[in-house]
C-alpha atoms as a PDB file:
ATOM      1  CA  MET A   1     -36.680-168.125   7.103  1.00  0.00           C
ATOM      2  CA  ALA A   2     -34.652-170.945   5.590  1.00  0.00           C
ATOM      3  CA  THR A   3     -36.140-173.018   2.769  1.00  0.00           C
ATOM      4  CA  LYS A   4     -35.652-176.717   2.150  1.00  0.00           C
ATOM      5  CA  ASN A   5     -32.786-175.977  -0.216  1.00  0.00           C
ATOM      6  CA  GLN A   6     -31.304-173.118   1.847  1.00  0.00           C
ATOM      7  CA  PRO A   7     -30.806-174.144   5.469  1.00  0.00           C
ATOM      8  CA  ASP A   8     -30.403-171.589   8.231  1.00  0.00           C
ATOM      9  CA  LYS A   9     -26.773-170.471   8.756  1.00  0.00           C
ATOM     10  CA  ALA A  10     -26.931-171.822  12.315  1.00  0.00           C
ATOM     11  CA  ASP A  11     -27.816-175.263  10.929  1.00  0.00           C
ATOM     12  CA  VAL A  12     -24.728-175.550   8.739  1.00  0.00           C
ATOM     13  CA  ILE A  13     -22.083-174.020  11.016  1.00  0.00           C
ATOM     14  CA  LYS A  14     -19.524-176.624  12.034  1.00  0.00           C
ATOM     15  CA  LYS A  15     -19.925-176.405  15.804  1.00  0.00           C
ATOM     16  CA  ASP A  16     -17.139-178.888  16.489  1.00  0.00           C
ATOM     17  CA  ARG A  17     -14.612-176.211  15.521  1.00  0.00           C
ATOM     18  CA  LYS A  18     -13.076-173.972  18.153  1.00  0.00           C
ATOM     19  CA  VAL A  19     -14.292-170.385  18.194  1.00  0.00           C
ATOM     20  CA  LEU A  20     -12.463-167.085  18.501  1.00  0.00           C
ATOM     21  CA  LEU A  21     -14.231-163.949  19.731  1.00  0.00           C
ATOM     22  CA  LEU A  22     -12.230-160.798  19.018  1.00  0.00           C
ATOM     23  CA  THR A  23     -12.966-157.090  19.467  1.00  0.00           C
ATOM     24  CA  GLY A  24     -11.916-154.634  16.770  1.00  0.00           C
ATOM     25  CA  GLY A  25     -11.431-157.057  13.897  1.00  0.00           C
ATOM     26  CA  ALA A  26     -12.135-154.898  10.851  1.00  0.00           C
ATOM     27  CA  ASN A  27      -8.567-153.719  10.235  1.00  0.00           C
ATOM     28  CA  GLY A  28      -4.996-153.636  11.503  1.00  0.00           C
ATOM     29  CA  LEU A  29      -3.931-156.133  14.155  1.00  0.00           C
ATOM     30  CA  GLY A  30      -7.500-157.329  14.721  1.00  0.00           C
ATOM     31  CA  ARG A  31      -7.965-158.226  11.066  1.00  0.00           C
ATOM     32  CA  ALA A  32      -4.596-160.022  10.938  1.00  0.00           C
ATOM     33  CA  THR A  33      -5.465-161.967  14.101  1.00  0.00           C
ATOM     34  CA  CYS A  34      -8.836-163.070  12.717  1.00  0.00           C
ATOM     35  CA  ARG A  35      -7.056-164.353   9.618  1.00  0.00           C
ATOM     36  CA  GLU A  36      -4.442-166.182  11.682  1.00  0.00           C
ATOM     37  CA  TYR A  37      -7.044-167.997  13.778  1.00  0.00           C
ATOM     38  CA  ALA A  38      -9.002-168.833  10.620  1.00  0.00           C
ATOM     39  CA  LYS A  39      -5.842-170.427   9.163  1.00  0.00           C
ATOM     40  CA  ALA A  40      -5.684-172.571  12.303  1.00  0.00           C
ATOM     41  CA  GLY A  41      -9.242-173.774  11.645  1.00  0.00           C
ATOM     42  CA  TYR A  42     -11.145-171.649  14.166  1.00  0.00           C
ATOM     43  CA  ASN A  43     -14.565-170.219  13.473  1.00  0.00           C
ATOM     44  CA  VAL A  44     -14.340-166.452  13.971  1.00  0.00           C
ATOM     45  CA  ALA A  45     -16.701-163.966  15.585  1.00  0.00           C
ATOM     46  CA  PHE A  46     -15.533-160.368  15.743  1.00  0.00           C
ATOM     47  CA  THR A  47     -16.794-156.889  16.531  1.00  0.00           C
ATOM     48  CA  ASP A  48     -16.113-153.418  15.190  1.00  0.00           C
ATOM     49  CA  VAL A  49     -17.810-150.075  14.581  1.00  0.00           C
ATOM     50  CA  LEU A  50     -16.594-150.061  10.949  1.00  0.00           C
ATOM     51  CA  VAL A  51     -19.483-151.782   9.211  1.00  0.00           C
ATOM     52  CA  GLU A  52     -18.301-151.837   5.599  1.00  0.00           C
ATOM     53  CA  GLU A  53     -14.829-153.084   6.514  1.00  0.00           C
ATOM     54  CA  GLY A  54     -16.267-155.604   8.968  1.00  0.00           C
ATOM     55  CA  LYS A  55     -18.583-157.125   6.371  1.00  0.00           C
ATOM     56  CA  LYS A  56     -15.695-157.438   3.910  1.00  0.00           C
ATOM     57  CA  ILE A  57     -13.612-159.393   6.426  1.00  0.00           C
ATOM     58  CA  GLU A  58     -16.621-161.555   7.314  1.00  0.00           C
ATOM     59  CA  GLU A  59     -17.068-162.419   3.632  1.00  0.00           C
ATOM     60  CA  GLU A  60     -13.345-163.091   3.165  1.00  0.00           C
ATOM     61  CA  LEU A  61     -13.180-165.444   6.149  1.00  0.00           C
ATOM     62  CA  ASN A  62     -16.319-167.327   5.130  1.00  0.00           C
ATOM     63  CA  LYS A  63     -14.829-167.877   1.663  1.00  0.00           C
ATOM     64  CA  SER A  64     -11.652-169.247   3.261  1.00  0.00           C
ATOM     65  CA  GLY A  65     -13.538-172.278   4.570  1.00  0.00           C
ATOM     66  CA  VAL A  66     -14.362-171.325   8.167  1.00  0.00           C
ATOM     67  CA  ASP A  67     -17.542-169.798   9.549  1.00  0.00           C
ATOM     68  CA  ALA A  68     -17.326-166.129  10.499  1.00  0.00           C
ATOM     69  CA  LYS A  69     -19.730-163.519  11.805  1.00  0.00           C
ATOM     70  CA  PHE A  70     -19.284-159.772  12.152  1.00  0.00           C
ATOM     71  CA  TYR A  71     -21.023-157.835  14.923  1.00  0.00           C
ATOM     72  CA  LYS A  72     -21.431-154.085  14.812  1.00  0.00           C
ATOM     73  CA  ALA A  73     -20.567-153.108  18.370  1.00  0.00           C
ATOM     74  CA  ASP A  74     -18.903-150.308  20.304  1.00  0.00           C
ATOM     75  CA  ALA A  75     -16.612-152.181  22.686  1.00  0.00           C
ATOM     76  CA  THR A  76     -17.170-149.551  25.398  1.00  0.00           C
ATOM     77  CA  ASP A  77     -20.851-150.602  25.645  1.00  0.00           C
ATOM     78  CA  PHE A  78     -21.178-153.109  28.509  1.00  0.00           C
ATOM     79  CA  LYS A  79     -24.718-154.187  27.601  1.00  0.00           C
ATOM     80  CA  ARG A  80     -23.788-154.728  23.952  1.00  0.00           C
ATOM     81  CA  ALA A  81     -20.844-156.932  25.008  1.00  0.00           C
ATOM     82  CA  LYS A  82     -23.253-159.270  26.795  1.00  0.00           C
ATOM     83  CA  GLU A  83     -25.554-159.334  23.758  1.00  0.00           C
ATOM     84  CA  VAL A  84     -22.664-160.220  21.445  1.00  0.00           C
ATOM     85  CA  VAL A  85     -21.443-163.055  23.670  1.00  0.00           C
ATOM     86  CA  GLU A  86     -24.959-164.491  23.953  1.00  0.00           C
ATOM     87  CA  ASP A  87     -25.391-164.428  20.177  1.00  0.00           C
ATOM     88  CA  VAL A  88     -21.976-165.981  19.534  1.00  0.00           C
ATOM     89  CA  LEU A  89     -22.864-168.857  21.850  1.00  0.00           C
ATOM     90  CA  LYS A  90     -26.239-169.272  20.150  1.00  0.00           C
ATOM     91  CA  THR A  91     -24.734-169.133  16.646  1.00  0.00           C
ATOM     92  CA  PHE A  92     -21.505-171.091  17.095  1.00  0.00           C
ATOM     93  CA  GLY A  93     -22.315-173.154  20.181  1.00  0.00           C
ATOM     94  CA  ARG A  94     -19.082-172.294  21.991  1.00  0.00           C
ATOM     95  CA  ILE A  95     -16.297-169.761  22.639  1.00  0.00           C
ATOM     96  CA  ASP A  96     -12.727-170.955  23.222  1.00  0.00           C
ATOM     97  CA  VAL A  97     -10.615-167.806  22.937  1.00  0.00           C
ATOM     98  CA  LEU A  98     -11.317-164.153  23.683  1.00  0.00           C
ATOM     99  CA  VAL A  99      -8.949-161.524  22.278  1.00  0.00           C
ATOM    100  CA  ASN A 100      -9.459-158.019  23.663  1.00  0.00           C
ATOM    101  CA  ASN A 101      -7.939-155.965  20.874  1.00  0.00           C
ATOM    102  CA  VAL A 102      -9.804-152.629  20.940  1.00  0.00           C
ATOM    103  CA  GLY A 103      -7.820-149.640  22.180  1.00  0.00           C
ATOM    104  CA  GLY A 104      -6.335-146.295  21.265  1.00  0.00           C
ATOM    105  CA  GLY A 105      -7.675-142.782  20.922  1.00  0.00           C
ATOM    106  CA  ARG A 106      -6.280-139.314  20.317  1.00  0.00           C
ATOM    107  CA  GLU A 107      -4.773-137.414  23.251  1.00  0.00           C
ATOM    108  CA  LYS A 108      -2.186-134.822  24.241  1.00  0.00           C
ATOM    109  CA  VAL A 109       0.495-134.186  26.890  1.00  0.00           C
ATOM    110  CA  ILE A 110      -0.828-133.998  30.444  1.00  0.00           C
ATOM    111  CA  TYR A 111      -0.908-130.190  30.524  1.00  0.00           C
ATOM    112  CA  ARG A 112      -3.090-130.084  27.391  1.00  0.00           C
ATOM    113  CA  ILE A 113      -5.276-133.192  27.563  1.00  0.00           C
ATOM    114  CA  THR A 114      -8.975-132.624  28.230  1.00  0.00           C
ATOM    115  CA  GLU A 115     -11.196-134.651  30.522  1.00  0.00           C
ATOM    116  CA  GLU A 116     -13.154-135.876  27.511  1.00  0.00           C
ATOM    117  CA  GLN A 117      -9.962-137.076  25.766  1.00  0.00           C
ATOM    118  CA  TRP A 118      -8.792-138.843  28.920  1.00  0.00           C
ATOM    119  CA  ASP A 119     -12.139-140.569  29.502  1.00  0.00           C
ATOM    120  CA  ARG A 120     -12.428-141.691  25.879  1.00  0.00           C
ATOM    121  CA  VAL A 121      -9.000-143.363  25.828  1.00  0.00           C
ATOM    122  CA  ILE A 122      -9.593-145.094  29.178  1.00  0.00           C
ATOM    123  CA  GLU A 123     -13.006-146.338  28.039  1.00  0.00           C
ATOM    124  CA  LEU A 124     -11.816-147.489  24.639  1.00  0.00           C
ATOM    125  CA  THR A 125      -8.688-149.235  25.899  1.00  0.00           C
ATOM    126  CA  LEU A 126      -9.374-150.444  29.457  1.00  0.00           C
ATOM    127  CA  LYS A 127     -13.140-150.577  29.938  1.00  0.00           C
ATOM    128  CA  SER A 128     -13.600-152.451  26.654  1.00  0.00           C
ATOM    129  CA  THR A 129     -11.225-155.131  27.958  1.00  0.00           C
ATOM    130  CA  PHE A 130     -13.284-155.456  31.128  1.00  0.00           C
ATOM    131  CA  ASN A 131     -16.596-155.479  29.223  1.00  0.00           C
ATOM    132  CA  TYR A 132     -15.893-158.504  27.040  1.00  0.00           C
ATOM    133  CA  THR A 133     -13.977-160.387  29.717  1.00  0.00           C
ATOM    134  CA  ARG A 134     -16.885-159.990  32.135  1.00  0.00           C
ATOM    135  CA  ALA A 135     -19.348-161.022  29.441  1.00  0.00           C
ATOM    136  CA  VAL A 136     -17.536-164.275  28.604  1.00  0.00           C
ATOM    137  CA  VAL A 137     -15.990-165.303  31.912  1.00  0.00           C
ATOM    138  CA  ASP A 138     -19.027-167.067  33.411  1.00  0.00           C
ATOM    139  CA  TYR A 139     -19.203-169.269  30.324  1.00  0.00           C
ATOM    140  CA  PHE A 140     -15.467-170.042  30.536  1.00  0.00           C
ATOM    141  CA  ILE A 141     -15.819-170.960  34.218  1.00  0.00           C
ATOM    142  CA  GLY A 142     -18.779-173.191  33.407  1.00  0.00           C
ATOM    143  CA  GLN A 143     -16.878-175.130  30.752  1.00  0.00           C
ATOM    144  CA  GLN A 144     -13.724-175.193  32.921  1.00  0.00           C
ATOM    145  CA  ARG A 145     -11.463-173.951  30.151  1.00  0.00           C
ATOM    146  CA  GLY A 146     -10.748-170.960  27.964  1.00  0.00           C
ATOM    147  CA  SER A 147      -8.083-168.508  26.941  1.00  0.00           C
ATOM    148  CA  ILE A 148      -8.032-164.713  27.135  1.00  0.00           C
ATOM    149  CA  VAL A 149      -5.424-162.622  25.315  1.00  0.00           C
ATOM    150  CA  ASN A 150      -5.363-158.885  26.018  1.00  0.00           C
ATOM    151  CA  ILE A 151      -3.544-156.406  23.791  1.00  0.00           C
ATOM    152  CA  SER A 152      -1.407-154.035  25.843  1.00  0.00           C
ATOM    153  CA  SER A 153       1.628-152.030  24.643  1.00  0.00           C
ATOM    154  CA  ILE A 154       5.242-151.404  25.549  1.00  0.00           C
ATOM    155  CA  ASN A 155       4.103-147.826  26.194  1.00  0.00           C
ATOM    156  CA  GLY A 156       1.981-149.190  29.009  1.00  0.00           C
ATOM    157  CA  LEU A 157       5.149-150.641  30.524  1.00  0.00           C
ATOM    158  CA  ARG A 158       7.462-147.667  30.048  1.00  0.00           C
ATOM    159  CA  GLY A 159       5.147-144.673  29.479  1.00  0.00           C
ATOM    160  CA  ARG A 160       5.273-142.502  26.385  1.00  0.00           C
ATOM    161  CA  GLU A 161       5.439-138.730  26.163  1.00  0.00           C
ATOM    162  CA  GLY A 162       2.204-137.370  24.731  1.00  0.00           C
ATOM    163  CA  GLN A 163       0.228-140.472  25.707  1.00  0.00           C
ATOM    164  CA  PRO A 164      -0.647-140.180  29.413  1.00  0.00           C
ATOM    165  CA  ALA A 165      -4.100-141.770  29.091  1.00  0.00           C
ATOM    166  CA  TYR A 166      -3.006-144.488  26.665  1.00  0.00           C
ATOM    167  CA  SER A 167       0.023-145.405  28.790  1.00  0.00           C
ATOM    168  CA  ALA A 168      -2.148-145.527  31.917  1.00  0.00           C
ATOM    169  CA  ALA A 169      -4.832-147.608  30.205  1.00  0.00           C
ATOM    170  CA  LYS A 170      -2.379-150.103  28.730  1.00  0.00           C
ATOM    171  CA  MET A 171      -0.666-150.498  32.108  1.00  0.00           C
ATOM    172  CA  GLY A 172      -4.157-151.033  33.503  1.00  0.00           C
ATOM    173  CA  VAL A 173      -4.565-153.883  31.012  1.00  0.00           C
ATOM    174  CA  VAL A 174      -1.351-155.400  32.403  1.00  0.00           C
ATOM    175  CA  GLY A 175      -2.592-155.219  36.006  1.00  0.00           C
ATOM    176  CA  PHE A 176      -5.993-156.569  34.977  1.00  0.00           C
ATOM    177  CA  THR A 177      -4.347-159.465  33.127  1.00  0.00           C
ATOM    178  CA  LYS A 178      -2.198-160.508  36.075  1.00  0.00           C
ATOM    179  CA  CYS A 179      -5.050-160.208  38.570  1.00  0.00           C
ATOM    180  CA  ILE A 180      -7.571-162.292  36.667  1.00  0.00           C
ATOM    181  CA  ALA A 181      -4.907-164.840  35.689  1.00  0.00           C
ATOM    182  CA  LYS A 182      -4.621-165.580  39.420  1.00  0.00           C
ATOM    183  CA  GLU A 183      -8.399-165.620  39.868  1.00  0.00           C
ATOM    184  CA  LEU A 184      -9.197-167.823  36.873  1.00  0.00           C
ATOM    185  CA  GLY A 185      -6.306-170.290  36.854  1.00  0.00           C
ATOM    186  CA  ARG A 186      -8.217-172.672  39.152  1.00  0.00           C
ATOM    187  CA  PHE A 187     -10.826-172.992  36.382  1.00  0.00           C
ATOM    188  CA  ASN A 188      -8.217-173.958  33.757  1.00  0.00           C
ATOM    189  CA  ILE A 189      -8.463-170.518  32.114  1.00  0.00           C
ATOM    190  CA  SER A 190      -5.276-168.825  30.893  1.00  0.00           C
ATOM    191  CA  VAL A 191      -4.971-165.050  30.698  1.00  0.00           C
ATOM    192  CA  ASN A 192      -2.051-163.297  29.015  1.00  0.00           C
ATOM    193  CA  ALA A 193      -1.200-159.960  27.456  1.00  0.00           C
ATOM    194  CA  VAL A 194       0.783-159.034  24.374  1.00  0.00           C
ATOM    195  CA  ALA A 195       2.734-155.766  24.450  1.00  0.00           C
ATOM    196  CA  PRO A 196       3.635-154.672  20.910  1.00  0.00           C
ATOM    197  CA  GLY A 197       5.765-151.743  19.906  1.00  0.00           C
ATOM    198  CA  TYR A 198       4.947-149.652  16.855  1.00  0.00           C
ATOM    199  CA  ILE A 199       2.874-151.628  14.318  1.00  0.00           C
ATOM    200  CA  GLU A 200       2.825-150.755  10.616  1.00  0.00           C
ATOM    201  CA  THR A 201      -0.947-150.755  10.124  1.00  0.00           C
ATOM    202  CA  ASP A 202      -2.494-148.738   7.299  1.00  0.00           C
ATOM    203  CA  ALA A 203      -3.814-146.201   9.812  1.00  0.00           C
ATOM    204  CA  GLN A 204      -0.452-145.851  11.549  1.00  0.00           C
ATOM    205  CA  ILE A 205       1.404-145.312   8.294  1.00  0.00           C
ATOM    206  CA  GLU A 206      -1.163-142.730   7.179  1.00  0.00           C
ATOM    207  CA  ASN A 207      -1.233-140.811  10.473  1.00  0.00           C
ATOM    208  CA  THR A 208       2.380-141.080  11.652  1.00  0.00           C
ATOM    209  CA  PRO A 209       5.060-138.756  10.240  1.00  0.00           C
ATOM    210  CA  GLU A 210       8.009-140.521   8.646  1.00  0.00           C
ATOM    211  CA  LEU A 211      10.329-138.888  11.195  1.00  0.00           C
ATOM    212  CA  VAL A 212       8.467-140.612  14.047  1.00  0.00           C
ATOM    213  CA  ARG A 213       8.578-143.960  12.245  1.00  0.00           C
ATOM    214  CA  LYS A 214      12.319-143.447  11.683  1.00  0.00           C
ATOM    215  CA  LEU A 215      12.817-142.758  15.404  1.00  0.00           C
ATOM    216  CA  CYS A 216      10.879-145.930  16.256  1.00  0.00           C
ATOM    217  CA  ARG A 217      13.186-147.946  13.998  1.00  0.00           C
ATOM    218  CA  GLU A 218      16.311-146.326  15.448  1.00  0.00           C
ATOM    219  CA  GLU A 219      15.343-147.069  19.061  1.00  0.00           C
ATOM    220  CA  SER A 220      14.844-150.765  18.240  1.00  0.00           C
ATOM    221  CA  ALA A 221      17.513-153.450  18.390  1.00  0.00           C
ATOM    222  CA  ILE A 222      16.128-155.037  15.210  1.00  0.00           C
ATOM    223  CA  LYS A 223      15.768-152.217  12.688  1.00  0.00           C
ATOM    224  CA  ARG A 224      12.385-153.261  11.354  1.00  0.00           C
ATOM    225  CA  LEU A 225       8.933-152.173  12.406  1.00  0.00           C
ATOM    226  CA  ALA A 226       6.329-154.884  12.965  1.00  0.00           C
ATOM    227  CA  ASP A 227       3.590-155.736  10.510  1.00  0.00           C
ATOM    228  CA  PRO A 228       0.221-156.741  12.035  1.00  0.00           C
ATOM    229  CA  GLU A 229       0.910-160.346  10.992  1.00  0.00           C
ATOM    230  CA  ASP A 230       4.061-160.424  13.150  1.00  0.00           C
ATOM    231  CA  ILE A 231       1.949-159.735  16.238  1.00  0.00           C
ATOM    232  CA  ALA A 232      -0.966-161.938  15.163  1.00  0.00           C
ATOM    233  CA  TYR A 233       1.261-165.047  15.170  1.00  0.00           C
ATOM    234  CA  LEU A 234       1.973-164.501  18.875  1.00  0.00           C
ATOM    235  CA  VAL A 235      -1.650-163.746  19.745  1.00  0.00           C
ATOM    236  CA  ALA A 236      -2.730-166.969  18.017  1.00  0.00           C
ATOM    237  CA  PHE A 237      -0.070-168.989  19.837  1.00  0.00           C
ATOM    238  CA  LEU A 238      -1.093-167.662  23.263  1.00  0.00           C
ATOM    239  CA  GLY A 239      -4.697-168.641  22.577  1.00  0.00           C
ATOM    240  CA  SER A 240      -3.775-172.161  21.496  1.00  0.00           C
ATOM    241  CA  GLU A 241      -3.494-175.387  23.484  1.00  0.00           C
ATOM    242  CA  LYS A 242       0.279-175.258  22.993  1.00  0.00           C
ATOM    243  CA  ALA A 243       0.323-172.283  25.381  1.00  0.00           C
ATOM    244  CA  SER A 244      -2.154-173.729  27.887  1.00  0.00           C
ATOM    245  CA  LEU A 245       0.318-173.556  30.800  1.00  0.00           C
ATOM    246  CA  ILE A 246       1.346-169.967  30.093  1.00  0.00           C
ATOM    247  CA  THR A 247      -0.681-167.502  32.167  1.00  0.00           C
ATOM    248  CA  GLY A 248      -0.253-164.090  33.770  1.00  0.00           C
ATOM    249  CA  GLU A 249       2.477-163.189  31.290  1.00  0.00           C
ATOM    250  CA  VAL A 250       3.020-159.943  29.384  1.00  0.00           C
ATOM    251  CA  VAL A 251       4.956-160.775  26.232  1.00  0.00           C
ATOM    252  CA  LYS A 252       6.734-157.881  24.512  1.00  0.00           C
ATOM    253  CA  ILE A 253       7.030-158.046  20.734  1.00  0.00           C
ATOM    254  CA  ASP A 254       8.672-154.789  19.721  1.00  0.00           C
ATOM    255  CA  SER A 255      11.907-155.417  17.760  1.00  0.00           C
ATOM    256  CA  GLY A 256      13.742-154.771  21.022  1.00  0.00           C
ATOM    257  CA  ALA A 257      12.511-151.185  21.473  1.00  0.00           C
ATOM    258  CA  TYR A 258      11.954-151.713  25.193  1.00  0.00           C
ATOM    259  CA  ILE A 259      15.505-152.851  25.919  1.00  0.00           C
END
């Protein structure tokens, strides 16, 4: 309980600020996107299963001058998504932007992938996007505004050998984005997707052989692989008022690898 000299966190949060809710914010693109929105003055709520990393980012963002809150949550859990959204609204008083960032998973070529591997990638990448969108959409409709940015991939647009589930799930994100953009436009809600190429996150660098990274550079028109910050700039723009008339779009940001 708060004392006279130490008010409750909810009492001191600046509720006039816009609020970002993002899934998977403890590292990589999610972490960079949280930082980018914080720079723009948004309060930041984010989820992840990585508790230690999540708390570090929460502390960093709070020190930067905005209010931030980390939620331990598996994005594939539909019930937990609803709980998180309810708490964000209670804590911050509003949600303005939802970024569905969670996705990925290990898999194999179609003649080696197991049912469990397939299901895990689909759940992590596609169902998580549905879960948080469904949890927040009634609130967005009620306030007659909002922005949703879904993270897809150029491999969802072109397919990638060795990634049948991931390619299918990311293309599912594209179809989902376009469908709900049509459904929600009448409520002044924009819905877009970002389709990155290879991103130089710590995990990618650690787990990707240099030969593969070299091939990714060689297939690109611009011979530089993206840092998470390169993608975060675009995600922040699409969630901003400057992009309020952009909806149903899938924006590739891949150094020209798709060309």
